[in-house]
C-alpha atoms as a PDB file:
ATOM      1  CA  MET A   1      37.325 -37.961 -57.325  1.00  0.00           C
ATOM      2  CA  THR A   2      36.231 -35.382 -54.835  1.00  0.00           C
ATOM      3  CA  ALA A   3      36.971 -31.722 -55.182  1.00  0.00           C
ATOM      4  CA  THR A   4      39.566 -30.314 -52.803  1.00  0.00           C
ATOM      5  CA  HIS A   5      40.507 -26.810 -51.843  1.00  0.00           C
ATOM      6  CA  VAL A   6      43.717 -25.191 -52.998  1.00  0.00           C
ATOM      7  CA  GLY A   7      46.593 -26.667 -51.037  1.00  0.00           C
ATOM      8  CA  GLY A   8      44.865 -30.037 -50.656  1.00  0.00           C
ATOM      9  CA  ARG A   9      42.673 -28.981 -47.713  1.00  0.00           C
ATOM     10  CA  ARG A  10      38.970 -29.771 -47.570  1.00  0.00           C
ATOM     11  CA  PRO A  11      36.796 -26.602 -47.672  1.00  0.00           C
ATOM     12  CA  ARG A  12      35.104 -25.654 -44.402  1.00  0.00           C
ATOM     13  CA  THR A  13      31.465 -26.643 -44.407  1.00  0.00           C
ATOM     14  CA  ARG A  14      28.572 -24.914 -42.666  1.00  0.00           C
ATOM     15  CA  ARG A  15      28.610 -27.665 -40.038  1.00  0.00           C
ATOM     16  CA  ASP A  16      32.261 -26.996 -39.247  1.00  0.00           C
ATOM     17  CA  ARG A  17      31.622 -23.286 -38.786  1.00  0.00           C
ATOM     18  CA  SER A  18      28.632 -23.927 -36.478  1.00  0.00           C
ATOM     19  CA  GLU A  19      30.748 -26.231 -34.307  1.00  0.00           C
ATOM     20  CA  GLN A  20      33.488 -23.635 -33.943  1.00  0.00           C
ATOM     21  CA  GLN A  21      31.100 -20.710 -33.370  1.00  0.00           C
ATOM     22  CA  PRO A  22      28.088 -21.965 -31.374  1.00  0.00           C
ATOM     23  CA  VAL A  23      25.032 -19.738 -31.370  1.00  0.00           C
ATOM     24  CA  PRO A  24      24.944 -17.731 -28.104  1.00  0.00           C
ATOM     25  CA  GLU A  25      21.986 -18.123 -25.797  1.00  0.00           C
ATOM     26  CA  ALA A  26      19.125 -15.877 -26.772  1.00  0.00           C
ATOM     27  CA  GLU A  27      18.625 -12.829 -24.585  1.00  0.00           C
ATOM     28  CA  PHE A  28      15.210 -11.641 -23.500  1.00  0.00           C
ATOM     29  CA  THR A  29      13.373  -9.559 -26.076  1.00  0.00           C
ATOM     30  CA  SER A  30       9.765  -8.567 -26.526  1.00  0.00           C
ATOM     31  CA  TYR A  31       7.762  -7.733 -29.603  1.00  0.00           C
ATOM     32  CA  TYR A  32       9.530  -4.577 -30.819  1.00  0.00           C
ATOM     33  CA  GLY A  33      10.392  -3.860 -27.168  1.00  0.00           C
ATOM     34  CA  ARG A  34       6.787  -2.977 -26.390  1.00  0.00           C
ATOM     35  CA  GLN A  35       5.194  -3.454 -22.959  1.00  0.00           C
ATOM     36  CA  VAL A  36       2.797  -6.338 -22.479  1.00  0.00           C
ATOM     37  CA  VAL A  37       0.492  -4.878 -19.833  1.00  0.00           C
ATOM     38  CA  LYS A  38      -0.627  -1.291 -19.455  1.00  0.00           C
ATOM     39  CA  PRO A  39       0.528   0.693 -16.413  1.00  0.00           C
ATOM     40  CA  ALA A  40      -2.378   1.768 -14.221  1.00  0.00           C
ATOM     41  CA  PRO A  41      -3.588   5.264 -15.222  1.00  0.00           C
ATOM     42  CA  TRP A  42      -2.918   6.614 -11.711  1.00  0.00           C
ATOM     43  CA  ASP A  43      -0.687   9.257 -10.173  1.00  0.00           C
ATOM     44  CA  VAL A  44       0.363  10.323  -6.664  1.00  0.00           C
ATOM     45  CA  ARG A  45      -3.279  10.759  -5.607  1.00  0.00           C
ATOM     46  CA  ILE A  46      -3.767   6.992  -5.360  1.00  0.00           C
ATOM     47  CA  PRO A  47      -0.842   6.361  -2.953  1.00  0.00           C
ATOM     48  CA  LEU A  48      -2.066   9.367  -0.952  1.00  0.00           C
ATOM     49  CA  TYR A  49      -5.569   7.890  -0.867  1.00  0.00           C
ATOM     50  CA  MET A  50      -4.168   4.560   0.393  1.00  0.00           C
ATOM     51  CA  PHE A  51      -1.923   6.173   2.993  1.00  0.00           C
ATOM     52  CA  ALA A  52      -4.607   8.466   4.391  1.00  0.00           C
ATOM     53  CA  GLY A  53      -7.137   5.636   4.520  1.00  0.00           C
ATOM     54  CA  GLY A  54      -4.706   3.588   6.592  1.00  0.00           C
ATOM     55  CA  VAL A  55      -4.127   6.482   8.997  1.00  0.00           C
ATOM     56  CA  ALA A  56      -7.884   6.935   9.378  1.00  0.00           C
ATOM     57  CA  ALA A  57      -8.439   3.251  10.146  1.00  0.00           C
ATOM     58  CA  GLY A  58      -5.675   3.042  12.737  1.00  0.00           C
ATOM     59  CA  SER A  59      -6.764   6.296  14.369  1.00  0.00           C
ATOM     60  CA  SER A  60     -10.297   4.977  14.846  1.00  0.00           C
ATOM     61  CA  LEU A  61      -8.920   1.889  16.570  1.00  0.00           C
ATOM     62  CA  LEU A  62      -6.864   4.053  18.909  1.00  0.00           C
ATOM     63  CA  ALA A  63      -9.817   6.348  19.602  1.00  0.00           C
ATOM     64  CA  ALA A  64     -12.074   3.437  20.523  1.00  0.00           C
ATOM     65  CA  GLY A  65      -9.431   2.001  22.840  1.00  0.00           C
ATOM     66  CA  ALA A  66      -8.930   5.389  24.469  1.00  0.00           C
ATOM     67  CA  GLN A  67     -12.699   5.758  24.886  1.00  0.00           C
ATOM     68  CA  LEU A  68     -12.905   2.427  26.725  1.00  0.00           C
ATOM     69  CA  THR A  69      -9.860   3.073  28.922  1.00  0.00           C
ATOM     70  CA  GLY A  70     -10.561   6.683  29.911  1.00  0.00           C
ATOM     71  CA  ARG A  71      -7.962   8.609  27.898  1.00  0.00           C
ATOM     72  CA  PRO A  72      -9.865  11.667  26.635  1.00  0.00           C
ATOM     73  CA  ALA A  73      -6.896  13.383  24.988  1.00  0.00           C
ATOM     74  CA  LEU A  74      -5.997  10.269  22.976  1.00  0.00           C
ATOM     75  CA  ARG A  75      -9.667   9.719  22.129  1.00  0.00           C
ATOM     76  CA  ARG A  76      -9.953  13.244  20.792  1.00  0.00           C
ATOM     77  CA  ALA A  77      -6.739  12.997  18.775  1.00  0.00           C
ATOM     78  CA  GLY A  78      -7.789   9.659  17.324  1.00  0.00           C
ATOM     79  CA  ARG A  79     -11.279  10.739  16.325  1.00  0.00           C
ATOM     80  CA  LEU A  80     -10.187  14.009  14.759  1.00  0.00           C
ATOM     81  CA  SER A  81      -7.220  12.395  12.993  1.00  0.00           C
ATOM     82  CA  ALA A  82      -9.513   9.694  11.602  1.00  0.00           C
ATOM     83  CA  ALA A  83     -11.957  12.239  10.212  1.00  0.00           C
ATOM     84  CA  GLY A  84      -9.226  14.428   8.760  1.00  0.00           C
ATOM     85  CA  ALA A  85      -7.391  11.523   7.151  1.00  0.00           C
ATOM     86  CA  LEU A  86     -10.646  10.118   5.793  1.00  0.00           C
ATOM     87  CA  GLY A  87     -11.387  13.488   4.197  1.00  0.00           C
ATOM     88  CA  VAL A  88      -7.950  13.521   2.543  1.00  0.00           C
ATOM     89  CA  SER A  89      -8.413   9.931   1.359  1.00  0.00           C
ATOM     90  CA  LEU A  90     -11.840  10.520  -0.155  1.00  0.00           C
ATOM     91  CA  GLY A  91     -10.703  13.817  -1.670  1.00  0.00           C
ATOM     92  CA  ALA A  92      -7.747  12.159  -3.383  1.00  0.00           C
ATOM     93  CA  LEU A  93      -9.937   9.321  -4.667  1.00  0.00           C
ATOM     94  CA  VAL A  94     -12.682  11.598  -6.008  1.00  0.00           C
ATOM     95  CA  SER A  95     -10.055  13.850  -7.586  1.00  0.00           C
ATOM     96  CA  ASP A  96      -8.525  10.864  -9.363  1.00  0.00           C
ATOM     97  CA  LEU A  97     -11.946   9.732 -10.573  1.00  0.00           C
ATOM     98  CA  GLY A  98     -12.410  13.127 -12.179  1.00  0.00           C
ATOM     99  CA  ARG A  99     -16.013  13.777 -11.161  1.00  0.00           C
ATOM    100  CA  PRO A 100     -17.596  13.317  -7.687  1.00  0.00           C
ATOM    101  CA  GLU A 101     -20.629  11.518  -9.100  1.00  0.00           C
ATOM    102  CA  ARG A 102     -18.427   8.623 -10.210  1.00  0.00           C
ATOM    103  CA  PHE A 103     -17.901   7.698  -6.573  1.00  0.00           C
ATOM    104  CA  LEU A 104     -21.651   7.752  -5.992  1.00  0.00           C
ATOM    105  CA  ASN A 105     -22.226   5.672  -9.110  1.00  0.00           C
ATOM    106  CA  MET A 106     -20.078   2.909  -7.621  1.00  0.00           C
ATOM    107  CA  LEU A 107     -22.584   2.669  -4.751  1.00  0.00           C
ATOM    108  CA  ARG A 108     -25.389   1.695  -7.123  1.00  0.00           C
ATOM    109  CA  THR A 109     -24.344  -1.956  -7.051  1.00  0.00           C
ATOM    110  CA  VAL A 110     -22.372  -4.360  -4.853  1.00  0.00           C
ATOM    111  CA  LYS A 111     -19.880  -6.525  -6.729  1.00  0.00           C
ATOM    112  CA  LEU A 112     -18.074  -8.819  -4.314  1.00  0.00           C
ATOM    113  CA  THR A 113     -15.554  -9.894  -6.963  1.00  0.00           C
ATOM    114  CA  SER A 114     -14.414  -6.287  -7.449  1.00  0.00           C
ATOM    115  CA  PRO A 115     -12.040  -4.873  -4.792  1.00  0.00           C
ATOM    116  CA  MET A 116     -12.926  -1.360  -5.955  1.00  0.00           C
ATOM    117  CA  SER A 117     -16.659  -1.938  -5.414  1.00  0.00           C
ATOM    118  CA  VAL A 118     -16.093  -3.555  -2.017  1.00  0.00           C
ATOM    119  CA  GLY A 119     -13.687  -0.795  -1.024  1.00  0.00           C
ATOM    120  CA  THR A 120     -16.156   1.933  -1.930  1.00  0.00           C
ATOM    121  CA  TRP A 121     -18.765   0.364   0.320  1.00  0.00           C
ATOM    122  CA  LEU A 122     -16.242  -0.170   3.117  1.00  0.00           C
ATOM    123  CA  LEU A 123     -15.276   3.495   3.040  1.00  0.00           C
ATOM    124  CA  SER A 124     -18.918   4.529   3.103  1.00  0.00           C
ATOM    125  CA  ILE A 125     -19.852   2.195   5.968  1.00  0.00           C
ATOM    126  CA  TYR A 126     -16.802   3.249   7.960  1.00  0.00           C
ATOM    127  CA  GLY A 127     -17.034   6.956   7.172  1.00  0.00           C
ATOM    128  CA  ALA A 128     -20.468   7.581   8.706  1.00  0.00           C
ATOM    129  CA  PRO A 129     -19.709   6.492  12.308  1.00  0.00           C
ATOM    130  CA  ALA A 130     -16.215   7.976  12.152  1.00  0.00           C
ATOM    131  CA  GLY A 131     -17.728  11.304  11.093  1.00  0.00           C
ATOM    132  CA  VAL A 132     -20.293  11.274  13.927  1.00  0.00           C
ATOM    133  CA  ALA A 133     -17.577  10.582  16.508  1.00  0.00           C
ATOM    134  CA  ALA A 134     -15.485  13.451  15.134  1.00  0.00           C
ATOM    135  CA  LEU A 135     -18.461  15.844  15.249  1.00  0.00           C
ATOM    136  CA  ASP A 136     -18.876  15.044  18.933  1.00  0.00           C
ATOM    137  CA  GLU A 137     -15.249  16.000  19.584  1.00  0.00           C
ATOM    138  CA  ILE A 138     -15.662  19.242  17.655  1.00  0.00           C
ATOM    139  CA  ALA A 139     -18.739  20.088  19.740  1.00  0.00           C
ATOM    140  CA  ARG A 140     -16.812  19.382  22.936  1.00  0.00           C
ATOM    141  CA  VAL A 141     -13.887  21.566  21.871  1.00  0.00           C
ATOM    142  CA  ALA A 142     -16.273  24.377  20.893  1.00  0.00           C
ATOM    143  CA  GLY A 143     -18.022  24.152  24.260  1.00  0.00           C
ATOM    144  CA  LEU A 144     -21.452  23.516  22.756  1.00  0.00           C
ATOM    145  CA  ASP A 145     -24.043  22.135  25.174  1.00  0.00           C
ATOM    146  CA  GLY A 146     -27.363  22.302  23.345  1.00  0.00           C
ATOM    147  CA  GLY A 147     -29.731  19.499  22.433  1.00  0.00           C
ATOM    148  CA  PRO A 148     -27.855  18.401  19.272  1.00  0.00           C
ATOM    149  CA  SER A 149     -24.565  18.375  21.185  1.00  0.00           C
ATOM    150  CA  ARG A 150     -26.011  16.192  23.940  1.00  0.00           C
ATOM    151  CA  LEU A 151     -27.412  13.848  21.299  1.00  0.00           C
ATOM    152  CA  LEU A 152     -24.000  13.621  19.648  1.00  0.00           C
ATOM    153  CA  ARG A 153     -22.408  12.859  23.016  1.00  0.00           C
ATOM    154  CA  THR A 154     -24.903  10.047  23.569  1.00  0.00           C
ATOM    155  CA  VAL A 155     -24.382   8.340  20.217  1.00  0.00           C
ATOM    156  CA  SER A 156     -20.652   9.015  19.840  1.00  0.00           C
ATOM    157  CA  GLY A 157     -19.741   6.105  22.090  1.00  0.00           C
ATOM    158  CA  PRO A 158     -21.443   3.395  19.996  1.00  0.00           C
ATOM    159  CA  THR A 159     -20.456   5.040  16.733  1.00  0.00           C
ATOM    160  CA  GLY A 160     -16.823   5.246  17.838  1.00  0.00           C
ATOM    161  CA  VAL A 161     -16.802   1.512  18.534  1.00  0.00           C
ATOM    162  CA  LEU A 162     -18.539   0.820  15.210  1.00  0.00           C
ATOM    163  CA  ALA A 163     -15.902   2.848  13.378  1.00  0.00           C
ATOM    164  CA  ALA A 164     -13.189   0.770  15.058  1.00  0.00           C
ATOM    165  CA  LEU A 165     -14.892  -2.484  14.051  1.00  0.00           C
ATOM    166  CA  THR A 166     -15.093  -1.451  10.400  1.00  0.00           C
ATOM    167  CA  ALA A 167     -11.594   0.094  10.324  1.00  0.00           C
ATOM    168  CA  PRO A 168      -9.334  -2.970   9.708  1.00  0.00           C
ATOM    169  CA  PRO A 169     -10.854  -3.831   6.296  1.00  0.00           C
ATOM    170  CA  VAL A 170     -10.357  -0.198   5.254  1.00  0.00           C
ATOM    171  CA  ALA A 171      -6.630  -0.512   5.977  1.00  0.00           C
ATOM    172  CA  ALA A 172      -6.287  -3.870   4.207  1.00  0.00           C
ATOM    173  CA  TYR A 173      -8.462  -3.684   1.112  1.00  0.00           C
ATOM    174  CA  THR A 174      -6.174  -1.324  -0.822  1.00  0.00           C
ATOM    175  CA  ALA A 175      -3.516  -4.058  -0.827  1.00  0.00           C
ATOM    176  CA  VAL A 176      -6.085  -6.423  -2.349  1.00  0.00           C
ATOM    177  CA  LEU A 177      -6.969  -3.715  -4.869  1.00  0.00           C
ATOM    178  CA  LEU A 178      -3.353  -3.556  -6.082  1.00  0.00           C
ATOM    179  CA  SER A 179      -2.653  -7.285  -6.110  1.00  0.00           C
ATOM    180  CA  ASP A 180      -5.861  -8.022  -8.025  1.00  0.00           C
ATOM    181  CA  THR A 181      -4.457  -6.267 -11.117  1.00  0.00           C
ATOM    182  CA  SER A 182      -2.165  -7.678 -13.811  1.00  0.00           C
ATOM    183  CA  THR A 183       0.670  -5.370 -12.744  1.00  0.00           C
ATOM    184  CA  PRO A 184       3.526  -7.867 -12.184  1.00  0.00           C
ATOM    185  CA  THR A 185       5.108  -6.560  -8.958  1.00  0.00           C
ATOM    186  CA  TRP A 186       1.784  -5.857  -7.259  1.00  0.00           C
ATOM    187  CA  LYS A 187       0.398  -9.252  -8.196  1.00  0.00           C
ATOM    188  CA  ALA A 188       3.524 -11.096  -7.045  1.00  0.00           C
ATOM    189  CA  GLY A 189       3.213  -9.673  -3.526  1.00  0.00           C
ATOM    190  CA  TYR A 190      -0.427 -10.635  -3.000  1.00  0.00           C
ATOM    191  CA  ARG A 191       0.279 -12.860   0.028  1.00  0.00           C
ATOM    192  CA  GLU A 192       2.257 -10.384   2.116  1.00  0.00           C
ATOM    193  CA  LEU A 193       1.035  -7.009   0.842  1.00  0.00           C
ATOM    194  CA  PRO A 194      -2.039  -6.845   3.151  1.00  0.00           C
ATOM    195  CA  PHE A 195       0.243  -7.426   6.153  1.00  0.00           C
ATOM    196  CA  VAL A 196       2.597  -4.694   4.949  1.00  0.00           C
ATOM    197  CA  PHE A 197      -0.228  -2.197   4.473  1.00  0.00           C
ATOM    198  CA  CYS A 198      -1.966  -2.963   7.777  1.00  0.00           C
ATOM    199  CA  ALA A 199       1.277  -2.780   9.746  1.00  0.00           C
ATOM    200  CA  SER A 200       2.220   0.427   7.947  1.00  0.00           C
ATOM    201  CA  ALA A 201      -1.184   1.910   8.809  1.00  0.00           C
ATOM    202  CA  ALA A 202      -0.673   0.984  12.466  1.00  0.00           C
ATOM    203  CA  ALA A 203       2.753   2.636  12.522  1.00  0.00           C
ATOM    204  CA  ALA A 204       1.484   5.790  10.828  1.00  0.00           C
ATOM    205  CA  SER A 205      -1.663   6.206  12.928  1.00  0.00           C
ATOM    206  CA  GLY A 206       0.293   5.554  16.111  1.00  0.00           C
ATOM    207  CA  GLY A 207       2.840   8.129  14.986  1.00  0.00           C
ATOM    208  CA  VAL A 208       0.169  10.743  14.259  1.00  0.00           C
ATOM    209  CA  ALA A 209      -1.372  10.128  17.698  1.00  0.00           C
ATOM    210  CA  MET A 210       2.052  10.532  19.323  1.00  0.00           C
ATOM    211  CA  VAL A 211       2.363  13.937  17.701  1.00  0.00           C
ATOM    212  CA  ALA A 212      -1.157  15.052  18.719  1.00  0.00           C
ATOM    213  CA  THR A 213      -1.414  13.557  22.233  1.00  0.00           C
ATOM    214  CA  PRO A 214       0.368  14.421  25.505  1.00  0.00           C
ATOM    215  CA  VAL A 215       2.886  11.726  26.382  1.00  0.00           C
ATOM    216  CA  ALA A 216       1.008  10.886  29.603  1.00  0.00           C
ATOM    217  CA  GLN A 217      -1.913   9.453  27.589  1.00  0.00           C
ATOM    218  CA  ALA A 218      -0.032   8.308  24.489  1.00  0.00           C
ATOM    219  CA  GLY A 219       1.073   4.909  25.788  1.00  0.00           C
ATOM    220  CA  PRO A 220      -1.260   2.878  23.528  1.00  0.00           C
ATOM    221  CA  ALA A 221      -0.189   4.977  20.540  1.00  0.00           C
ATOM    222  CA  ARG A 222       3.482   4.305  21.243  1.00  0.00           C
ATOM    223  CA  ARG A 223       2.883   0.565  21.520  1.00  0.00           C
ATOM    224  CA  LEU A 224       0.811   0.468  18.330  1.00  0.00           C
ATOM    225  CA  ALA A 225       3.387   2.528  16.444  1.00  0.00           C
ATOM    226  CA  ALA A 226       6.359   0.426  17.537  1.00  0.00           C
ATOM    227  CA  ALA A 227       4.615  -2.881  16.861  1.00  0.00           C
ATOM    228  CA  GLY A 228       3.376  -1.706  13.472  1.00  0.00           C
ATOM    229  CA  ALA A 229       6.843  -0.521  12.454  1.00  0.00           C
ATOM    230  CA  VAL A 230       8.507  -3.811  13.404  1.00  0.00           C
ATOM    231  CA  VAL A 231       5.875  -5.929  11.640  1.00  0.00           C
ATOM    232  CA  GLU A 232       6.042  -3.705   8.560  1.00  0.00           C
ATOM    233  CA  LEU A 233       9.813  -4.056   8.225  1.00  0.00           C
ATOM    234  CA  VAL A 234       9.682  -7.839   8.711  1.00  0.00           C
ATOM    235  CA  ALA A 235       6.729  -8.285   6.335  1.00  0.00           C
ATOM    236  CA  GLU A 236       8.491  -6.259   3.647  1.00  0.00           C
ATOM    237  CA  GLN A 237      11.566  -8.496   3.868  1.00  0.00           C
ATOM    238  CA  VAL A 238       9.451 -11.643   3.652  1.00  0.00           C
ATOM    239  CA  MET A 239       7.518 -10.210   0.700  1.00  0.00           C
ATOM    240  CA  GLU A 240      10.625  -9.247  -1.246  1.00  0.00           C
ATOM    241  CA  ARG A 241      12.184 -12.690  -0.774  1.00  0.00           C
ATOM    242  CA  SER A 242       9.042 -14.450  -1.958  1.00  0.00           C
ATOM    243  CA  MET A 243       8.661 -12.291  -5.081  1.00  0.00           C
ATOM    244  CA  GLY A 244      11.880 -13.322  -6.833  1.00  0.00           C
ATOM    245  CA  LEU A 245      12.395 -11.372 -10.058  1.00  0.00           C
ATOM    246  CA  MET A 246       9.333  -9.226  -9.353  1.00  0.00           C
ATOM    247  CA  ALA A 247      11.140  -7.619  -6.387  1.00  0.00           C
ATOM    248  CA  GLU A 248      13.713  -5.934  -8.639  1.00  0.00           C
ATOM    249  CA  PRO A 249      11.628  -2.746  -9.156  1.00  0.00           C
ATOM    250  CA  LEU A 250      11.475  -2.379  -5.348  1.00  0.00           C
ATOM    251  CA  HIS A 251      15.249  -1.903  -5.318  1.00  0.00           C
ATOM    252  CA  SER A 252      15.835   0.255  -8.386  1.00  0.00           C
ATOM    253  CA  GLY A 253      14.634   3.499  -9.906  1.00  0.00           C
ATOM    254  CA  THR A 254      12.053   5.723  -8.239  1.00  0.00           C
ATOM    255  CA  GLY A 255      10.405   2.818  -6.446  1.00  0.00           C
ATOM    256  CA  GLY A 256      13.707   1.746  -4.932  1.00  0.00           C
ATOM    257  CA  ARG A 257      14.466   5.256  -3.679  1.00  0.00           C
ATOM    258  CA  TYR A 258      11.078   5.484  -1.997  1.00  0.00           C
ATOM    259  CA  MET A 259      11.447   2.026  -0.423  1.00  0.00           C
ATOM    260  CA  ARG A 260      14.883   2.868   0.986  1.00  0.00           C
ATOM    261  CA  ALA A 261      13.505   6.094   2.429  1.00  0.00           C
ATOM    262  CA  ALA A 262      10.532   4.193   3.866  1.00  0.00           C
ATOM    263  CA  LYS A 263      12.746   1.697   5.664  1.00  0.00           C
ATOM    264  CA  ALA A 264      15.014   4.424   7.007  1.00  0.00           C
ATOM    265  CA  PHE A 265      12.126   6.552   8.300  1.00  0.00           C
ATOM    266  CA  THR A 266      10.296   3.563   9.782  1.00  0.00           C
ATOM    267  CA  ALA A 267      13.369   2.143  11.509  1.00  0.00           C
ATOM    268  CA  ALA A 268      14.326   5.556  12.904  1.00  0.00           C
ATOM    269  CA  GLY A 269      10.782   6.176  14.107  1.00  0.00           C
ATOM    270  CA  ALA A 270      10.612   2.776  15.793  1.00  0.00           C
ATOM    271  CA  VAL A 271      13.923   3.280  17.597  1.00  0.00           C
ATOM    272  CA  GLY A 272      12.921   6.780  18.688  1.00  0.00           C
ATOM    273  CA  THR A 273       9.574   5.513  19.947  1.00  0.00           C
ATOM    274  CA  LEU A 274      11.116   2.701  21.978  1.00  0.00           C
ATOM    275  CA  LEU A 275      13.995   4.711  23.444  1.00  0.00           C
ATOM    276  CA  GLY A 276      12.636   8.237  23.798  1.00  0.00           C
ATOM    277  CA  GLY A 277       8.897   8.130  23.227  1.00  0.00           C
ATOM    278  CA  ARG A 278       8.139   9.438  26.723  1.00  0.00           C
ATOM    279  CA  ARG A 279       9.874  12.727  25.925  1.00  0.00           C
ATOM    280  CA  ARG A 280       7.666  15.169  24.068  1.00  0.00           C
ATOM    281  CA  TRP A 281      10.212  16.240  21.451  1.00  0.00           C
ATOM    282  CA  ALA A 282      11.232  12.640  20.767  1.00  0.00           C
ATOM    283  CA  ALA A 283       7.590  11.566  20.455  1.00  0.00           C
ATOM    284  CA  VAL A 284       6.917  14.282  17.884  1.00  0.00           C
ATOM    285  CA  LEU A 285       9.999  13.481  15.787  1.00  0.00           C
ATOM    286  CA  SER A 286       9.449   9.725  15.978  1.00  0.00           C
ATOM    287  CA  GLY A 287       5.777  10.026  15.126  1.00  0.00           C
ATOM    288  CA  ALA A 288       6.508  12.236  12.134  1.00  0.00           C
ATOM    289  CA  ALA A 289       9.165   9.782  10.923  1.00  0.00           C
ATOM    290  CA  LEU A 290       6.742   6.859  11.145  1.00  0.00           C
ATOM    291  CA  ALA A 291       4.091   8.740   9.180  1.00  0.00           C
ATOM    292  CA  ALA A 292       6.654   9.706   6.533  1.00  0.00           C
ATOM    293  CA  GLY A 293       7.840   6.102   6.328  1.00  0.00           C
ATOM    294  CA  SER A 294       4.300   4.845   5.811  1.00  0.00           C
ATOM    295  CA  PHE A 295       3.683   7.291   2.972  1.00  0.00           C
ATOM    296  CA  CYS A 296       6.995   6.370   1.331  1.00  0.00           C
ATOM    297  CA  THR A 297       6.033   2.689   1.552  1.00  0.00           C
ATOM    298  CA  ARG A 298       2.866   3.355  -0.454  1.00  0.00           C
ATOM    299  CA  MET A 299       4.793   5.474  -2.958  1.00  0.00           C
ATOM    300  CA  GLY A 300       7.560   2.903  -3.321  1.00  0.00           C
ATOM    301  CA  ILE A 301       5.193   0.000  -3.958  1.00  0.00           C
ATOM    302  CA  PHE A 302       3.147   2.146  -6.333  1.00  0.00           C
ATOM    303  CA  GLU A 303       6.161   3.265  -8.385  1.00  0.00           C
ATOM    304  CA  ALA A 304       7.654  -0.246  -8.423  1.00  0.00           C
ATOM    305  CA  GLY A 305       4.426  -1.656  -9.801  1.00  0.00           C
ATOM    306  CA  GLN A 306       4.250   0.956 -12.529  1.00  0.00           C
ATOM    307  CA  ALA A 307       7.871   0.254 -13.490  1.00  0.00           C
ATOM    308  CA  SER A 308       7.187  -3.491 -13.687  1.00  0.00           C
ATOM    309  CA  ALA A 309       4.265  -2.856 -16.037  1.00  0.00           C
ATOM    310  CA  ARG A 310       6.384  -0.714 -18.357  1.00  0.00           C
ATOM    311  CA  ASP A 311       9.125  -3.354 -18.662  1.00  0.00           C
ATOM    312  CA  PRO A 312       7.879  -6.457 -20.586  1.00  0.00           C
ATOM    313  CA  LYS A 313      10.546  -8.604 -18.923  1.00  0.00           C
ATOM    314  CA  TYR A 314       8.502  -8.824 -15.742  1.00  0.00           C
ATOM    315  CA  THR A 315       5.545 -10.256 -17.645  1.00  0.00           C
ATOM    316  CA  VAL A 316       7.185 -12.556 -20.196  1.00  0.00           C
ATOM    317  CA  VAL A 317      10.028 -14.106 -18.170  1.00  0.00           C
ATOM    318  CA  PRO A 318       7.787 -15.471 -15.369  1.00  0.00           C
ATOM    319  CA  GLN A 319       5.391 -16.849 -17.986  1.00  0.00           C
ATOM    320  CA  ARG A 320       8.245 -18.671 -19.735  1.00  0.00           C
ATOM    321  CA  GLU A 321       9.412 -20.077 -16.401  1.00  0.00           C
ATOM    322  CA  ARG A 322       5.918 -21.370 -15.639  1.00  0.00           C
ATOM    323  CA  VAL A 323       5.729 -23.008 -19.077  1.00  0.00           C
ATOM    324  CA  GLU A 324       9.085 -24.714 -18.503  1.00  0.00           C
ATOM    325  CA  ARG A 325       7.822 -26.028 -15.166  1.00  0.00           C
ATOM    326  CA  GLY A 326       4.667 -27.334 -16.826  1.00  0.00           C
ATOM    327  CA  GLU A 327       2.386 -25.003 -14.904  1.00  0.00           C
ATOM    328  CA  GLU A 328      -0.778 -23.442 -16.250  1.00  0.00           C
ATOM    329  CA  VAL A 329      -0.326 -19.992 -17.758  1.00  0.00           C
ATOM    330  CA  ARG A 330      -3.249 -17.628 -17.745  1.00  0.00           C
ATOM    331  CA  PHE A 331      -3.465 -15.104 -20.551  1.00  0.00           C
ATOM    332  CA  THR A 332      -5.157 -11.771 -20.028  1.00  0.00           C
ATOM    333  CA  PRO A 333      -7.494 -10.663 -22.829  1.00  0.00           C
ATOM    334  CA  ARG A 334      -6.353  -7.551 -24.671  1.00  0.00           C
ATOM    335  CA  GLY A 335      -7.818  -4.417 -23.162  1.00  0.00           C
ATOM    336  CA  GLN A 336      -8.118  -5.987 -19.679  1.00  0.00           C
ATOM    337  CA  GLU A 337      -4.442  -5.793 -18.720  1.00  0.00           C
ATOM    338  CA  SER A 338      -5.082  -3.829 -15.536  1.00  0.00           C
ATOM    339  CA  THR A 339      -8.108  -3.052 -13.407  1.00  0.00           C
END
């Protein structure tokens, strides 16, 4: 005989209970909720360094174009803006490094596999001709006409063109610098981020030139600013769609607030440039909005990347998805989580 429960009913077994109460799907968790990769040890000085470098690069391109087409006011604004922005960029970078000699130490070697090493050399190669061209403009404004001033005037033409030729990599390499890290959101946008940064630099430098140049000579600046703003907005949309889960930090928290401000400023600046850029007051407001939008873009992407590093979900979930698809998963050695 088999044992029965009181009342003649068979006792409920473990199997019966499991069938009536299935185990719910496991939710994402990490090891004690700890982050997997380390956030980059950076602050606002790095987005400022990236923004100012982009303004410098775009300004040199405008200055060279103005030099070749006979627009002295735009040439002067471009050269001086490039030198000023380059000074801000280098100052922010050196300040973040802690000691000025660390920047010089990076010039001791050339490491083509390191975006930081390549970027240091790009800034140095670009900075020299841009500085010479700016010195020529300062001498012209001061009314100097001695031997050194005439020498500067002679060499400023070739150096201005050289600065323009070396400017595009300066605007683009910071995007490579971010996407070459293990920070999830930065790495996920590696295809489109250089386009976003270059277009943003074009919009910002065109906007700065609109503010500093009479409208009669600012036509190239208006066209560069409007084109850069449109490409930036489109490239950002394409990037966010391609990133999947990694785009979440671009829409939430501090990063999301900066990105919404960036899009609003950039769109407003583009509309103002296209509809009222030939009016002085509209050119100033539109140019300022484009520059503000470009800075907010750098801040938004920076903050989104830091947020994605602090939340382990953005590291573990994509890895699990790649394993399920049978793709190769690369593991980062401990202590090398970010560069």
